[in-house]
Protein backbone atom coordinates (compact mmCIF):
# COMPACT_ATOMS: atom_id res chain seq x y z
CA MET A 1 -17.88 -13.59 11.60
CA TYR A 2 -14.34 -11.62 12.16
CA THR A 3 -16.48 -8.71 12.91
CA GLN A 4 -17.99 -10.01 15.78
CA GLU A 5 -14.75 -11.20 17.16
CA ARG A 6 -12.58 -7.97 17.00
CA THR A 7 -9.64 -7.34 18.90
CA ALA A 8 -10.05 -5.47 21.90
CA MET A 9 -9.31 -1.61 21.37
CA SER A 10 -6.89 -1.70 24.41
CA ASN A 11 -4.66 -3.92 22.75
CA LEU A 12 -4.54 -1.18 19.32
CA VAL A 13 -3.57 1.81 21.47
CA VAL A 14 0.20 1.82 21.30
CA GLY A 15 3.05 4.27 20.59
CA GLY A 16 5.11 1.65 18.84
CA PRO A 17 5.51 -2.01 17.68
CA VAL A 18 3.29 -4.48 19.73
CA ALA A 19 1.77 -7.82 19.10
CA VAL A 20 -1.43 -7.68 17.54
CA ASN A 21 -3.70 -10.15 16.52
CA SER A 22 -2.87 -11.52 13.24
CA TYR A 23 -6.58 -11.91 12.14
CA ASP A 24 -7.22 -8.00 13.05
CA ASN A 25 -10.21 -6.88 11.07
CA ALA A 26 -8.48 -4.32 9.49
CA ILE A 27 -5.93 -6.74 7.87
CA VAL A 28 -9.02 -8.82 6.78
CA ALA A 29 -10.95 -5.66 5.34
CA ALA A 30 -8.00 -4.66 3.41
CA LEU A 31 -7.12 -7.78 1.80
CA VAL A 32 -10.69 -9.40 1.23
CA GLU A 33 -12.75 -6.60 1.20
CA ASN A 34 -10.65 -4.14 -0.66
CA ARG A 35 -11.74 -1.45 2.06
CA PRO A 36 -9.50 1.68 1.82
CA VAL A 37 -7.01 1.60 4.71
CA MET A 38 -4.04 3.65 6.45
CA LEU A 39 -0.85 2.07 6.30
CA VAL A 40 0.83 3.19 9.68
CA HIS A 41 4.32 2.40 10.15
CA ALA A 42 5.37 0.24 13.29
CA PHE A 43 8.04 2.37 14.29
CA ASN A 44 7.11 5.75 14.44
CA GLY A 45 3.46 5.76 14.02
CA GLY A 46 3.79 7.90 10.68
CA PHE A 47 1.66 6.61 7.53
CA LEU A 48 2.37 6.28 3.82
CA ARG A 49 1.11 8.97 1.28
CA PRO A 50 1.54 9.46 -2.04
CA ALA A 51 4.37 12.50 -2.68
CA GLU A 52 1.40 14.00 -5.27
CA LEU A 53 -1.82 13.49 -4.47
CA LYS A 54 -3.21 14.95 -8.24
CA GLU A 55 -4.50 12.35 -10.65
CA ASP A 56 -2.44 13.59 -13.32
CA SER A 57 0.75 12.87 -11.37
CA HIS A 58 2.18 9.51 -12.39
CA ASP A 59 6.03 10.21 -11.86
CA LYS A 60 6.11 10.63 -8.14
CA GLY A 61 6.73 8.40 -5.34
CA VAL A 62 5.65 7.67 -1.67
CA LYS A 63 6.72 8.99 1.66
CA LEU A 64 6.13 8.72 5.25
CA ALA A 65 4.05 11.43 6.58
CA THR A 66 3.49 12.14 10.43
CA ALA A 67 0.73 14.67 10.69
CA LEU A 68 -2.68 14.55 8.85
CA ASP A 69 -2.99 17.66 7.52
CA PRO A 70 -6.61 18.87 5.87
CA ALA A 71 -5.75 18.57 2.63
CA THR A 72 -4.19 15.16 2.86
CA LYS A 73 -7.25 14.20 4.47
CA GLU A 74 -9.56 15.87 1.90
CA ALA A 75 -7.62 14.38 -1.08
CA GLN A 76 -7.75 10.74 0.64
CA GLY A 77 -4.17 10.75 0.47
CA HIS A 78 -3.85 8.74 3.33
CA LEU A 79 -5.77 6.02 2.26
CA TRP A 80 -4.69 2.88 0.14
CA HIS A 81 -6.42 -0.15 -1.51
CA LEU A 82 -4.86 -3.19 -1.35
CA THR A 83 -6.54 -4.96 -4.53
CA PRO A 84 -6.29 -8.66 -5.18
CA ALA A 85 -4.34 -9.53 -8.85
CA GLY A 86 -4.04 -13.01 -8.79
CA PHE A 87 -1.45 -15.20 -7.73
CA PHE A 88 2.35 -16.23 -7.17
CA GLY A 89 2.30 -19.83 -6.89
CA GLN A 90 0.10 -20.24 -4.05
CA ARG A 91 0.67 -16.90 -2.72
CA PRO A 92 -1.93 -13.89 -3.21
CA LEU A 93 -0.57 -10.99 -5.22
CA TYR A 94 -2.19 -7.55 -4.80
CA PHE A 95 -2.00 -4.11 -6.47
CA LEU A 96 -1.24 -1.24 -3.68
CA GLU A 97 -3.58 1.55 -4.83
CA SER A 98 -3.59 4.91 -3.79
CA ALA A 99 -7.42 6.54 -2.85
CA ALA A 100 -5.98 9.96 -3.81
CA GLY A 101 -6.41 10.87 -7.58
CA GLN A 102 -8.76 8.04 -8.49
CA VAL A 103 -10.87 8.15 -11.86
CA ALA A 104 -14.41 7.42 -11.91
CA PRO A 105 -14.50 6.12 -15.67
CA THR A 106 -17.42 6.75 -17.52
CA PRO A 107 -20.15 4.10 -18.05
CA ALA A 108 -19.63 1.53 -20.85
CA GLY A 109 -21.63 1.82 -23.81
CA ALA A 110 -24.05 -0.65 -24.99
CA SER A 111 -21.82 -1.99 -27.54
CA ASP A 112 -19.05 -2.40 -24.56
CA VAL A 113 -21.29 -3.40 -21.38
CA ASP A 114 -18.35 -5.48 -19.58
CA ALA A 115 -15.39 -3.10 -20.31
CA GLY A 116 -13.84 -2.07 -16.82
CA ARG A 117 -16.61 -3.47 -14.71
CA GLY A 118 -16.88 -5.46 -11.54
CA ASP A 119 -18.97 -8.16 -10.60
CA ASP A 120 -21.35 -5.92 -9.29
CA GLY A 121 -21.65 -4.15 -12.74
CA VAL A 122 -20.24 -0.89 -11.69
CA PRO A 123 -17.26 0.63 -13.72
CA LYS A 124 -13.97 0.16 -11.49
CA PRO A 125 -12.34 3.37 -10.69
CA GLN A 126 -8.73 4.19 -12.12
CA ARG A 127 -6.65 4.16 -9.21
CA ARG A 128 -2.77 4.87 -9.39
CA ARG A 129 -0.54 2.10 -8.08
CA VAL A 130 2.78 1.83 -6.66
CA THR A 131 5.55 0.62 -9.08
CA VAL A 132 8.87 -0.61 -8.81
CA HIS A 133 11.97 0.22 -10.59
CA GLN A 134 13.09 -2.82 -12.93
CA GLU A 135 16.31 -2.74 -11.57
CA ALA A 136 15.63 -2.22 -8.10
CA PRO A 137 16.75 -2.26 -5.15
CA GLU A 138 20.25 -0.98 -6.75
CA SER A 139 21.14 2.18 -5.09
CA THR A 140 20.44 4.20 -8.60
CA ALA A 141 17.24 2.33 -9.21
CA ASP A 142 15.35 1.96 -5.90
CA SER A 143 12.75 4.47 -5.88
CA VAL A 144 9.06 3.85 -6.62
CA GLN A 145 6.26 5.68 -8.59
CA VAL A 146 2.77 6.10 -8.03
CA GLY A 147 0.96 5.79 -11.60
CA LEU A 148 -1.20 3.87 -14.11
CA PRO A 149 0.45 0.99 -16.00
CA ASP A 150 0.68 3.06 -18.95
CA LYS A 151 1.76 6.53 -17.66
CA VAL A 152 4.88 5.46 -15.27
CA GLY A 153 8.37 5.89 -16.60
CA ASP A 154 10.01 3.30 -19.19
CA LYS A 155 11.82 1.46 -16.37
CA TRP A 156 9.09 1.49 -14.09
CA ARG A 157 6.86 -0.45 -16.43
CA GLY A 158 7.02 -4.46 -16.38
CA LYS A 159 9.10 -6.39 -18.81
CA ASN A 160 7.90 -8.84 -21.63
CA GLY A 161 4.89 -6.83 -22.38
CA ALA A 162 3.14 -6.93 -19.25
CA PRO A 163 2.76 -3.74 -17.88
CA GLU A 164 1.55 -4.83 -14.27
CA ASP A 165 4.90 -6.81 -13.31
CA THR A 166 6.29 -4.37 -11.69
CA GLN A 167 3.22 -3.27 -9.78
CA LEU A 168 2.54 -6.65 -8.15
CA TRP A 169 2.90 -7.13 -4.45
CA VAL A 170 3.34 -10.36 -1.90
CA VAL A 171 1.20 -8.72 1.40
CA THR A 172 2.55 -11.14 4.10
CA VAL A 173 1.32 -10.85 7.71
CA THR A 174 4.39 -10.35 10.12
CA PRO A 175 4.70 -12.21 13.36
CA TRP A 176 3.95 -8.91 14.66
CA GLY A 177 0.61 -8.65 13.63
CA GLY A 178 1.10 -5.95 11.07
CA ILE A 179 1.64 -6.46 7.17
CA THR A 180 4.82 -6.15 4.91
CA PHE A 181 5.23 -5.79 1.36
CA VAL A 182 7.52 -7.58 -0.85
CA PRO A 183 7.70 -7.23 -4.61
CA ILE A 184 7.46 -10.21 -7.14
CA THR A 185 9.99 -8.81 -9.50
CA HIS A 186 12.30 -8.63 -6.33
CA PRO A 187 11.57 -11.22 -3.69
CA ASP A 188 14.98 -10.23 -2.09
CA ALA A 189 13.83 -6.77 -1.26
CA ILE A 190 11.24 -5.20 0.75
CA LEU A 191 9.38 -2.00 0.94
CA GLY A 192 11.19 0.51 3.35
CA PHE A 193 12.78 3.85 3.20
CA LYS A 194 15.76 5.76 1.87
CA ASP A 195 18.94 5.34 4.05
CA HIS A 196 16.56 3.25 6.11
CA ALA A 197 15.47 6.55 8.07
CA VAL A 198 12.28 6.10 9.30
CA ALA A 199 11.15 9.67 9.74
CA ALA A 200 9.02 12.30 8.56
CA GLU A 201 9.07 12.95 4.86
CA SER A 202 11.75 9.86 4.45
CA GLU A 203 10.92 8.44 0.83
CA VAL A 204 9.69 5.22 0.32
CA ARG A 205 12.37 2.90 -1.66
CA LEU A 206 13.04 -0.94 -1.87
CA THR A 207 15.59 -2.00 0.40
CA TYR A 208 17.34 -5.24 0.78
CA ASN A 209 15.10 -7.77 3.19
CA TRP A 210 17.77 -8.29 5.78
CA GLY A 211 15.24 -9.96 7.76
CA GLY A 212 15.33 -12.90 5.36
CA ASP A 213 12.25 -14.92 4.10
CA PHE A 214 8.84 -12.96 3.53
CA THR A 215 8.35 -12.16 7.10
CA GLY A 216 10.70 -9.13 6.91
CA THR A 217 11.80 -6.96 9.72
CA VAL A 218 9.94 -4.77 12.29
CA ILE A 219 11.01 -1.86 10.97
CA ASN A 220 9.35 -2.43 7.98
CA THR A 221 5.95 -3.38 9.29
CA PHE A 222 2.83 -1.78 8.73
CA TYR A 223 -0.46 -1.94 10.50
CA PRO A 224 -3.48 -1.02 8.38
CA ARG A 225 -6.08 0.97 10.15
CA LEU A 226 -9.93 1.32 9.12
CA PRO A 227 -11.51 4.30 9.04
CA ASN A 228 -13.67 4.24 11.97
CA GLU A 229 -9.92 3.62 13.93
CA TRP A 230 -8.30 6.87 12.50
CA SER A 231 -8.48 8.43 16.35
CA VAL A 232 -6.20 5.47 17.71
CA PRO A 233 -3.15 7.52 19.17
CA TYR A 234 0.08 6.34 17.54
CA HIS A 235 2.03 9.00 18.40
CA HIS A 236 2.97 11.85 15.94
CA VAL A 237 0.33 10.71 13.35
CA PHE A 238 -2.44 13.26 14.69
CA THR A 239 -0.20 16.18 16.23
């Protein structure tokens, strides 16, 4: 089992980009077990969080935070689920869902016993997903929103009657042992930052993937971190 073959912690205590085992247990857990993880940026140690943590917010985006304050931690604003969502060719697709503001639905009634339930019979929580603009990555349409499919703005909804189109991502392990995100609606783009500035409070945007293919560039690499690894001293995160 991969849990018995963990990457040595000494390889994870880093202050910047470093080659990490591509089968790091946090990546496996995020993609296979759907456990919530922090998405820590390879360049400066900041982490992704929704700009607005409340469950009724659907028109705000994502930003890079460099300090984990108690309010964000309490609201689980630092945690994300990479939820399996089918395939694009042979590539698995995922939703990038925030753990902040998720809503636990009421149990289905007797006449609706299977609605919204997982394989274990437990109702699935409603989680806000990272959604891209239909016309991204044009400079006037490169922003993202965190919201439910039927609640985000019109231009952040999928075309052809499929509301999830703009919320599906190819999640790729990079040569540096992290992961990167490519929206299926814009395969020449990658999840990046406004003005390419990887700094505190930077707004997440779709940017052209100058690195080519699906591997991206080190500037847009994120290292998933499991809850028991929150104390890994990436610089800035816990100052």
